[in-house]
Amino acid sequence: MLVVGPSTSQGGIASVIRIHQLLPLWKRAHCRILPTFDERGTWKKLIAMLKAYAVAPFLIWRSSIIHIHLAAQHSMWRKLPIALIAKLLRKPYIIHLHAASERSVFILTPQWIVRTLFLLSYRVVVLSESWAAVVKKHLPDARVTVVHNPVMDPQTAPSARGSGQTILFAGKLERRKGYMELLKAASEVLRCYANVKFCFAGHGEVQQARVEAERLGIMGSVSFPGWVRPEEMSDYYREATIFCLPSFDEGLPMSILEAMSYSLPVVCTPVGGVPDLVVDGNNGLFVETGNSESIAHQLLTLLGDPERARRIGDNAARTVQRECGLERTERELSSLYRDVESEWMVRRRGIRESAQSVIRTGF
């Protein structure tokens, strides 16, 4: 099994692949990684891509199935040659879509690339039922399978949480993640709860965020630790009281799922695949996209009602254990690989029989 995608970068795709590597299936299927991307500068990106293309034919030839993780736009451009090599070598490939929005895939990415990647694949894996509907709307002939992002079960009980009030944001600091709106909401929250702390864990527009916090006069209550290594992120979840990610668009963010696994009440926007797992008022609270007042209102609701916050957090943990546990991911991926391999063998048999028929009949 050849898995195409990052395993050491700072994004959500890398987080998913790192958890896949912990599954028994990873060793059983003899999986190995082929990275096509290096986020450490333009030249390193180019070198990583060219190196991947150079070794891809040899690795694909030795593999039974090619599992390609991708987002949209540049990610699809990078993965297209890998998919075409697999097709030329008559090896089945799976597309695993992690895109943030329908627009990024079906408007901003050239449609001939999308159609080529999706319709030549044996399966298109998406993160939620809502994303399955989006793909089928644009490409009715695509063969779509839903596999939720997996989440590790926390090793520390929720009772180990810090005693302070901390609202946590985790993700790349970019405008589509809504961090600016959360900063504005923070200034409102701090008028009512002066001791609350806000933590923005993530790389990206850190300097812009600092400038905005200074402008709002809340810098003393806000921290920006930058990108946090996966093995250290658990400390931030344990210390937090509430998790907030008011994104403008998403697939199914790992940070929300991880926060839910730590029994954190989640305040988020109903975008992408989020509503497939988060039920407003039950295991999370929804806010209006781009509306800092809505964010502040829901944060104040949870801060003012600790019992409700605890109940929502407990429901969130149960949801993730049921829908995103490692055992379920293991079953779903095992079934997917078996189905693809069986279909591939049937097709190969058909091709051989057709070729033998041509030789016998002379046509």
Protein backbone atom coordinates (compact mmCIF):
# COMPACT_ATOMS: atom_id res chain seq x y z
CA MET A 1 0.00 0.00 0.00
CA LEU A 2 1.38 3.39 -1.01
CA VAL A 3 0.02 6.42 0.88
CA VAL A 4 0.60 9.75 -0.86
CA GLY A 5 0.47 12.73 1.48
CA PRO A 6 2.32 14.56 4.27
CA SER A 7 3.14 12.98 7.60
CA THR A 8 5.39 15.61 9.19
CA SER A 9 3.76 18.93 8.24
CA GLN A 10 1.54 21.18 10.36
CA GLY A 11 -1.79 20.60 8.63
CA GLY A 12 -4.84 18.46 9.26
CA ILE A 13 -4.01 15.92 6.53
CA ALA A 14 -0.72 15.12 8.24
CA SER A 15 -2.58 14.67 11.54
CA VAL A 16 -4.93 12.16 9.95
CA ILE A 17 -2.09 10.18 8.36
CA ARG A 18 -0.15 10.12 11.65
CA ILE A 19 -3.14 8.48 13.33
CA HIS A 20 -3.58 6.04 10.42
CA GLN A 21 0.02 4.97 11.03
CA LEU A 22 -0.97 3.82 14.53
CA LEU A 23 -3.64 1.45 13.23
CA PRO A 24 -2.84 -2.30 13.01
CA LEU A 25 -3.90 -2.02 9.36
CA TRP A 26 -0.87 0.13 8.60
CA LYS A 27 1.55 -2.71 9.30
CA ARG A 28 -0.77 -5.39 7.97
CA ALA A 29 -1.10 -3.63 4.61
CA HIS A 30 2.65 -2.81 4.49
CA CYS A 31 1.88 0.90 4.04
CA ARG A 32 4.57 3.42 3.22
CA ILE A 33 4.48 7.20 2.74
CA LEU A 34 5.28 9.14 -0.43
CA PRO A 35 5.35 12.88 0.46
CA THR A 36 4.94 15.40 -2.37
CA PHE A 37 5.14 18.56 -0.27
CA ASP A 38 7.61 20.31 2.04
CA GLU A 39 6.34 23.47 3.70
CA ARG A 40 9.82 24.82 4.50
CA GLY A 41 10.18 27.27 1.63
CA THR A 42 9.77 27.37 -2.16
CA TRP A 43 12.90 25.45 -3.10
CA LYS A 44 12.23 22.66 -0.63
CA LYS A 45 8.66 22.39 -1.98
CA LEU A 46 10.00 22.03 -5.52
CA ILE A 47 12.65 19.48 -4.52
CA ALA A 48 10.12 17.40 -2.57
CA MET A 49 7.72 17.38 -5.52
CA LEU A 50 10.37 16.42 -8.11
CA LYS A 51 11.77 13.73 -5.83
CA ALA A 52 8.28 12.27 -5.42
CA TYR A 53 7.75 12.17 -9.18
CA ALA A 54 11.13 10.49 -9.68
CA VAL A 55 10.48 7.61 -7.29
CA ALA A 56 6.72 7.32 -7.83
CA PRO A 57 6.83 4.83 -10.76
CA PHE A 58 8.96 2.36 -8.76
CA LEU A 59 6.86 2.65 -5.59
CA ILE A 60 3.55 2.46 -7.46
CA TRP A 61 4.70 -0.59 -9.42
CA ARG A 62 5.44 -2.40 -6.14
CA SER A 63 2.11 -1.42 -4.54
CA SER A 64 -1.35 -2.96 -4.76
CA ILE A 65 -3.32 0.23 -4.02
CA ILE A 66 -2.39 3.91 -4.06
CA HIS A 67 -4.13 6.03 -1.38
CA ILE A 68 -3.83 9.72 -2.33
CA HIS A 69 -4.66 12.34 0.30
CA LEU A 70 -5.32 15.81 -1.11
CA ALA A 71 -7.10 19.11 -0.59
CA ALA A 72 -7.79 21.38 -3.57
CA GLN A 73 -6.07 23.73 -6.03
CA HIS A 74 -2.26 23.35 -5.63
CA SER A 75 -2.66 20.05 -3.81
CA MET A 76 -4.59 18.59 -6.76
CA TRP A 77 -2.04 19.88 -9.25
CA ARG A 78 0.75 18.14 -7.27
CA LYS A 79 -1.11 14.83 -6.98
CA LEU A 80 -2.32 14.68 -10.61
CA PRO A 81 0.96 13.20 -12.00
CA ILE A 82 0.92 10.54 -9.27
CA ALA A 83 -2.62 9.52 -10.22
CA LEU A 84 -1.74 9.41 -13.93
CA ILE A 85 1.33 7.25 -13.26
CA ALA A 86 -0.85 4.86 -11.26
CA LYS A 87 -3.32 4.72 -14.15
CA LEU A 88 -0.58 4.08 -16.72
CA LEU A 89 0.76 1.25 -14.56
CA ARG A 90 -2.79 -0.10 -14.16
CA LYS A 91 -2.78 0.25 -10.39
CA PRO A 92 -5.96 1.32 -8.56
CA TYR A 93 -5.88 4.57 -6.67
CA ILE A 94 -8.13 6.12 -4.03
CA ILE A 95 -8.69 9.86 -3.66
CA HIS A 96 -9.08 11.01 -0.02
CA LEU A 97 -10.50 14.53 -0.09
CA HIS A 98 -9.69 16.97 2.75
CA ALA A 99 -10.74 20.22 1.05
CA ALA A 100 -11.99 23.15 3.09
CA SER A 101 -14.84 24.23 0.83
CA GLU A 102 -16.93 23.29 -2.18
CA ARG A 103 -15.71 26.44 -3.92
CA SER A 104 -12.04 25.50 -3.52
CA VAL A 105 -12.64 22.19 -5.31
CA PHE A 106 -15.31 22.91 -7.90
CA ILE A 107 -14.68 26.57 -8.75
CA LEU A 108 -11.09 27.52 -7.93
CA THR A 109 -9.57 24.25 -9.20
CA PRO A 110 -9.68 23.62 -12.98
CA GLN A 111 -12.50 21.17 -13.53
CA TRP A 112 -10.61 18.98 -15.96
CA ILE A 113 -8.19 18.20 -13.09
CA VAL A 114 -11.02 17.42 -10.67
CA ARG A 115 -12.82 15.20 -13.19
CA THR A 116 -9.63 13.39 -14.14
CA LEU A 117 -8.62 12.70 -10.53
CA PHE A 118 -12.07 11.71 -9.29
CA LEU A 119 -13.51 9.76 -12.22
CA LEU A 120 -10.38 7.69 -12.86
CA SER A 121 -10.16 6.73 -9.18
CA TYR A 122 -11.63 3.54 -7.74
CA ARG A 123 -13.07 5.47 -4.78
CA VAL A 124 -13.39 9.07 -3.58
CA VAL A 125 -13.20 9.16 0.22
CA VAL A 126 -14.83 12.17 1.89
CA LEU A 127 -15.03 13.18 5.54
CA SER A 128 -18.80 13.49 5.97
CA GLU A 129 -22.20 12.79 4.41
CA SER A 130 -22.57 16.46 3.51
CA TRP A 131 -19.32 16.31 1.55
CA ALA A 132 -20.52 13.13 -0.16
CA ALA A 133 -23.59 15.04 -1.34
CA VAL A 134 -21.40 17.89 -2.62
CA VAL A 135 -19.20 15.55 -4.67
CA LYS A 136 -22.20 13.64 -6.08
CA LYS A 137 -23.87 16.93 -7.04
CA HIS A 138 -20.95 17.88 -9.25
CA LEU A 139 -19.83 14.39 -10.31
CA PRO A 140 -22.77 11.95 -10.18
CA ASP A 141 -20.60 9.11 -11.51
CA ALA A 142 -17.99 9.39 -8.75
CA ARG A 143 -17.87 6.43 -6.37
CA VAL A 144 -17.96 8.08 -2.95
CA THR A 145 -17.22 6.56 0.46
CA VAL A 146 -17.49 8.39 3.81
CA VAL A 147 -14.72 7.89 6.38
CA HIS A 148 -14.66 10.31 9.32
CA ASN A 149 -11.32 11.64 10.49
CA PRO A 150 -9.99 9.45 13.32
CA VAL A 151 -9.29 10.75 16.82
CA MET A 152 -7.06 9.33 19.52
CA ASP A 153 -8.70 8.61 22.86
CA PRO A 154 -7.24 11.03 25.48
CA GLN A 155 -4.89 9.41 27.95
CA THR A 156 -5.81 11.85 30.74
CA ALA A 157 -9.26 12.17 32.23
CA PRO A 158 -11.14 15.48 31.87
CA SER A 159 -10.87 15.97 35.63
CA ALA A 160 -7.19 16.82 35.15
CA ARG A 161 -8.24 20.10 33.47
CA GLY A 162 -6.73 23.31 34.76
CA SER A 163 -8.60 25.38 37.31
CA GLY A 164 -8.58 28.62 35.29
CA GLN A 165 -10.95 29.73 32.53
CA THR A 166 -9.22 29.37 29.16
CA ILE A 167 -10.80 29.57 25.71
CA LEU A 168 -8.70 27.73 23.14
CA PHE A 169 -8.39 28.22 19.39
CA ALA A 170 -6.27 25.65 17.50
CA GLY A 171 -5.52 25.92 13.82
CA LYS A 172 -3.62 27.95 11.28
CA LEU A 173 -4.09 31.67 11.88
CA GLU A 174 -5.67 32.64 8.57
CA ARG A 175 -8.77 34.68 7.82
CA ARG A 176 -10.97 31.73 6.83
CA LYS A 177 -10.49 30.25 10.31
CA GLY A 178 -12.24 33.25 11.87
CA TYR A 179 -9.50 34.15 14.34
CA MET A 180 -10.08 37.89 13.82
CA GLU A 181 -13.75 37.48 14.74
CA LEU A 182 -12.76 35.50 17.83
CA LEU A 183 -10.39 38.28 18.90
CA LYS A 184 -13.22 40.80 18.64
CA ALA A 185 -15.47 38.45 20.61
CA ALA A 186 -12.73 38.11 23.23
CA SER A 187 -12.86 41.84 23.93
CA GLU A 188 -16.59 41.50 24.64
CA VAL A 189 -16.16 38.45 26.85
CA LEU A 190 -13.42 40.10 28.89
CA ARG A 191 -15.76 42.95 29.83
CA CYS A 192 -17.83 40.38 31.75
CA TYR A 193 -15.13 37.90 32.78
CA ALA A 194 -11.85 39.79 33.19
CA ASN A 195 -9.91 36.70 34.33
CA VAL A 196 -10.64 34.57 31.25
CA LYS A 197 -7.62 33.74 29.08
CA PHE A 198 -7.63 33.20 25.31
CA CYS A 199 -5.03 30.97 23.63
CA PHE A 200 -4.51 30.94 19.85
CA ALA A 201 -2.40 27.84 19.14
CA GLY A 202 -1.26 27.86 15.54
CA HIS A 203 1.14 29.27 12.97
CA GLY A 204 0.30 31.67 10.16
CA GLU A 205 -0.73 35.31 10.66
CA VAL A 206 0.57 35.50 14.23
CA GLN A 207 1.91 39.04 13.88
CA GLN A 208 -1.39 40.31 12.44
CA ALA A 209 -3.21 38.67 15.34
CA ARG A 210 -0.91 40.34 17.86
CA VAL A 211 -1.48 43.73 16.26
CA GLU A 212 -5.26 43.24 16.45
CA ALA A 213 -5.08 42.14 20.09
CA GLU A 214 -3.03 45.24 20.91
CA ARG A 215 -5.56 47.44 19.08
CA LEU A 216 -8.40 45.88 21.08
CA GLY A 217 -6.50 46.33 24.33
CA ILE A 218 -6.64 42.65 25.29
CA MET A 219 -3.03 41.57 24.79
CA GLY A 220 -2.65 40.84 28.51
CA SER A 221 -5.36 38.16 28.27
CA VAL A 222 -4.29 36.57 24.97
CA SER A 223 -1.40 34.21 24.16
CA PHE A 224 0.03 33.12 20.81
CA PRO A 225 2.29 30.09 21.29
CA GLY A 226 2.59 29.48 17.53
CA TRP A 227 2.45 26.01 16.06
CA VAL A 228 2.27 23.37 18.78
CA ARG A 229 3.72 19.92 18.18
CA PRO A 230 1.10 17.13 18.16
CA GLU A 231 2.58 15.45 21.23
CA GLU A 232 2.26 18.72 23.18
CA MET A 233 -1.22 19.70 22.01
CA SER A 234 -2.89 17.47 24.59
CA ASP A 235 -1.66 19.81 27.35
CA TYR A 236 -3.53 22.70 25.73
CA TYR A 237 -6.75 20.71 25.46
CA ARG A 238 -6.50 19.61 29.10
CA GLU A 239 -5.96 23.16 30.32
CA ALA A 240 -8.79 24.66 28.25
CA THR A 241 -12.34 25.32 29.42
CA ILE A 242 -13.97 25.94 26.03
CA PHE A 243 -12.81 25.34 22.45
CA CYS A 244 -13.73 27.83 19.72
CA LEU A 245 -13.15 27.59 15.95
CA PRO A 246 -15.42 30.05 14.09
CA SER A 247 -14.29 29.11 10.55
CA PHE A 248 -15.81 30.42 7.34
CA ASP A 249 -15.34 27.02 5.68
CA GLU A 250 -14.02 23.59 6.69
CA GLY A 251 -13.93 19.94 5.76
CA LEU A 252 -14.10 18.18 9.12
CA PRO A 253 -11.40 19.84 11.25
CA MET A 254 -9.22 17.62 13.39
CA SER A 255 -8.96 20.32 16.05
CA ILE A 256 -12.73 20.25 16.68
CA LEU A 257 -12.74 16.45 16.90
CA GLU A 258 -9.74 16.43 19.24
CA ALA A 259 -11.30 19.09 21.46
CA MET A 260 -14.52 17.07 21.65
CA SER A 261 -12.54 13.96 22.61
CA TYR A 262 -11.23 15.90 25.63
CA SER A 263 -14.83 16.65 26.71
CA LEU A 264 -14.49 20.29 25.78
CA PRO A 265 -17.66 22.19 24.85
CA VAL A 266 -17.09 23.39 21.29
CA VAL A 267 -18.25 26.72 19.86
CA CYS A 268 -18.05 26.65 16.07
CA THR A 269 -19.74 27.52 12.80
CA PRO A 270 -22.03 25.02 10.98
CA VAL A 271 -19.81 24.73 7.90
CA GLY A 272 -18.56 21.80 5.80
CA GLY A 273 -18.90 18.46 7.53
CA VAL A 274 -19.14 19.95 11.04
CA PRO A 275 -22.99 19.66 11.32
CA ASP A 276 -22.71 15.93 10.55
CA LEU A 277 -21.18 15.43 14.01
CA VAL A 278 -21.95 18.57 16.02
CA VAL A 279 -25.57 19.04 17.09
CA ASP A 280 -26.30 22.58 18.25
CA GLY A 281 -27.17 22.65 21.95
CA ASN A 282 -26.37 18.97 22.45
CA ASN A 283 -22.65 18.41 21.92
CA GLY A 284 -21.64 21.91 20.81
CA LEU A 285 -22.90 25.41 20.13
CA PHE A 286 -23.14 27.01 16.69
CA VAL A 287 -22.40 30.65 15.90
CA GLU A 288 -23.08 32.74 12.84
CA THR A 289 -20.22 32.83 10.35
CA GLY A 290 -18.25 36.08 10.55
CA ASN A 291 -20.32 37.39 13.49
CA SER A 292 -18.20 38.30 16.52
CA GLU A 293 -21.31 39.18 18.58
CA SER A 294 -22.71 35.69 18.03
CA ILE A 295 -19.40 34.18 19.12
CA ALA A 296 -19.25 36.32 22.24
CA HIS A 297 -22.85 35.42 23.13
CA GLN A 298 -22.22 31.66 23.01
CA LEU A 299 -18.95 31.92 24.92
CA LEU A 300 -20.67 33.97 27.62
CA THR A 301 -23.48 31.40 27.72
CA LEU A 302 -21.03 28.60 28.54
CA LEU A 303 -18.96 30.65 30.97
CA GLY A 304 -22.12 31.60 32.85
CA ASP A 305 -23.47 28.05 33.01
CA PRO A 306 -20.68 25.59 33.93
CA GLU A 307 -23.12 22.71 34.34
CA ARG A 308 -24.40 23.12 30.80
CA ALA A 309 -20.84 23.41 29.52
CA ARG A 310 -19.93 20.16 31.28
CA ARG A 311 -22.98 18.37 29.84
CA ILE A 312 -22.21 19.54 26.30
CA GLY A 313 -18.57 18.47 26.69
CA ASP A 314 -19.55 15.00 27.92
CA ASN A 315 -21.91 14.57 24.97
CA ALA A 316 -19.15 15.69 22.62
CA ALA A 317 -16.75 13.05 23.95
CA ARG A 318 -19.34 10.31 23.50
CA THR A 319 -20.04 11.43 19.94
CA VAL A 320 -16.38 11.29 18.95
CA GLN A 321 -15.85 7.92 20.63
CA ARG A 322 -18.78 6.52 18.66
CA GLU A 323 -18.14 8.13 15.26
CA CYS A 324 -14.38 8.68 15.09
CA GLY A 325 -12.78 5.98 17.22
CA LEU A 326 -9.74 4.10 15.96
CA GLU A 327 -11.59 0.77 15.82
CA ARG A 328 -14.21 2.23 13.52
CA THR A 329 -11.56 3.81 11.29
CA GLU A 330 -9.73 0.48 11.15
CA ARG A 331 -12.91 -1.31 10.03
CA GLU A 332 -13.82 1.32 7.44
CA LEU A 333 -10.37 1.49 5.86
CA SER A 334 -9.99 -2.31 5.88
CA SER A 335 -13.34 -2.66 4.12
CA LEU A 336 -12.42 0.05 1.63
CA TYR A 337 -9.10 -1.58 0.74
CA ARG A 338 -10.69 -5.02 0.40
CA ASP A 339 -13.40 -3.70 -1.90
CA VAL A 340 -10.93 -1.84 -4.11
CA GLU A 341 -8.54 -4.77 -4.32
CA SER A 342 -11.38 -7.18 -5.20
CA GLU A 343 -12.68 -4.84 -7.89
CA TRP A 344 -9.20 -4.40 -9.29
CA MET A 345 -8.69 -8.16 -9.52
CA VAL A 346 -12.02 -8.59 -11.31
CA ARG A 347 -11.09 -5.88 -13.81
CA ARG A 348 -7.66 -7.40 -14.40
CA ARG A 349 -9.26 -10.78 -15.02
CA GLY A 350 -11.62 -9.18 -17.50
CA ILE A 351 -8.77 -7.45 -19.31
CA ARG A 352 -6.80 -10.70 -19.55
CA GLU A 353 -9.78 -12.66 -20.81
CA SER A 354 -10.51 -9.97 -23.41
CA ALA A 355 -6.87 -10.02 -24.56
CA GLN A 356 -6.86 -13.82 -24.82
CA SER A 357 -10.10 -13.66 -26.82
CA VAL A 358 -8.52 -11.21 -29.25
CA ILE A 359 -5.50 -13.50 -29.69
CA ARG A 360 -7.70 -16.56 -30.30
CA THR A 361 -10.07 -14.91 -32.74
CA GLY A 362 -7.59 -12.62 -34.46
CA PHE A 363 -9.71 -9.52 -33.75
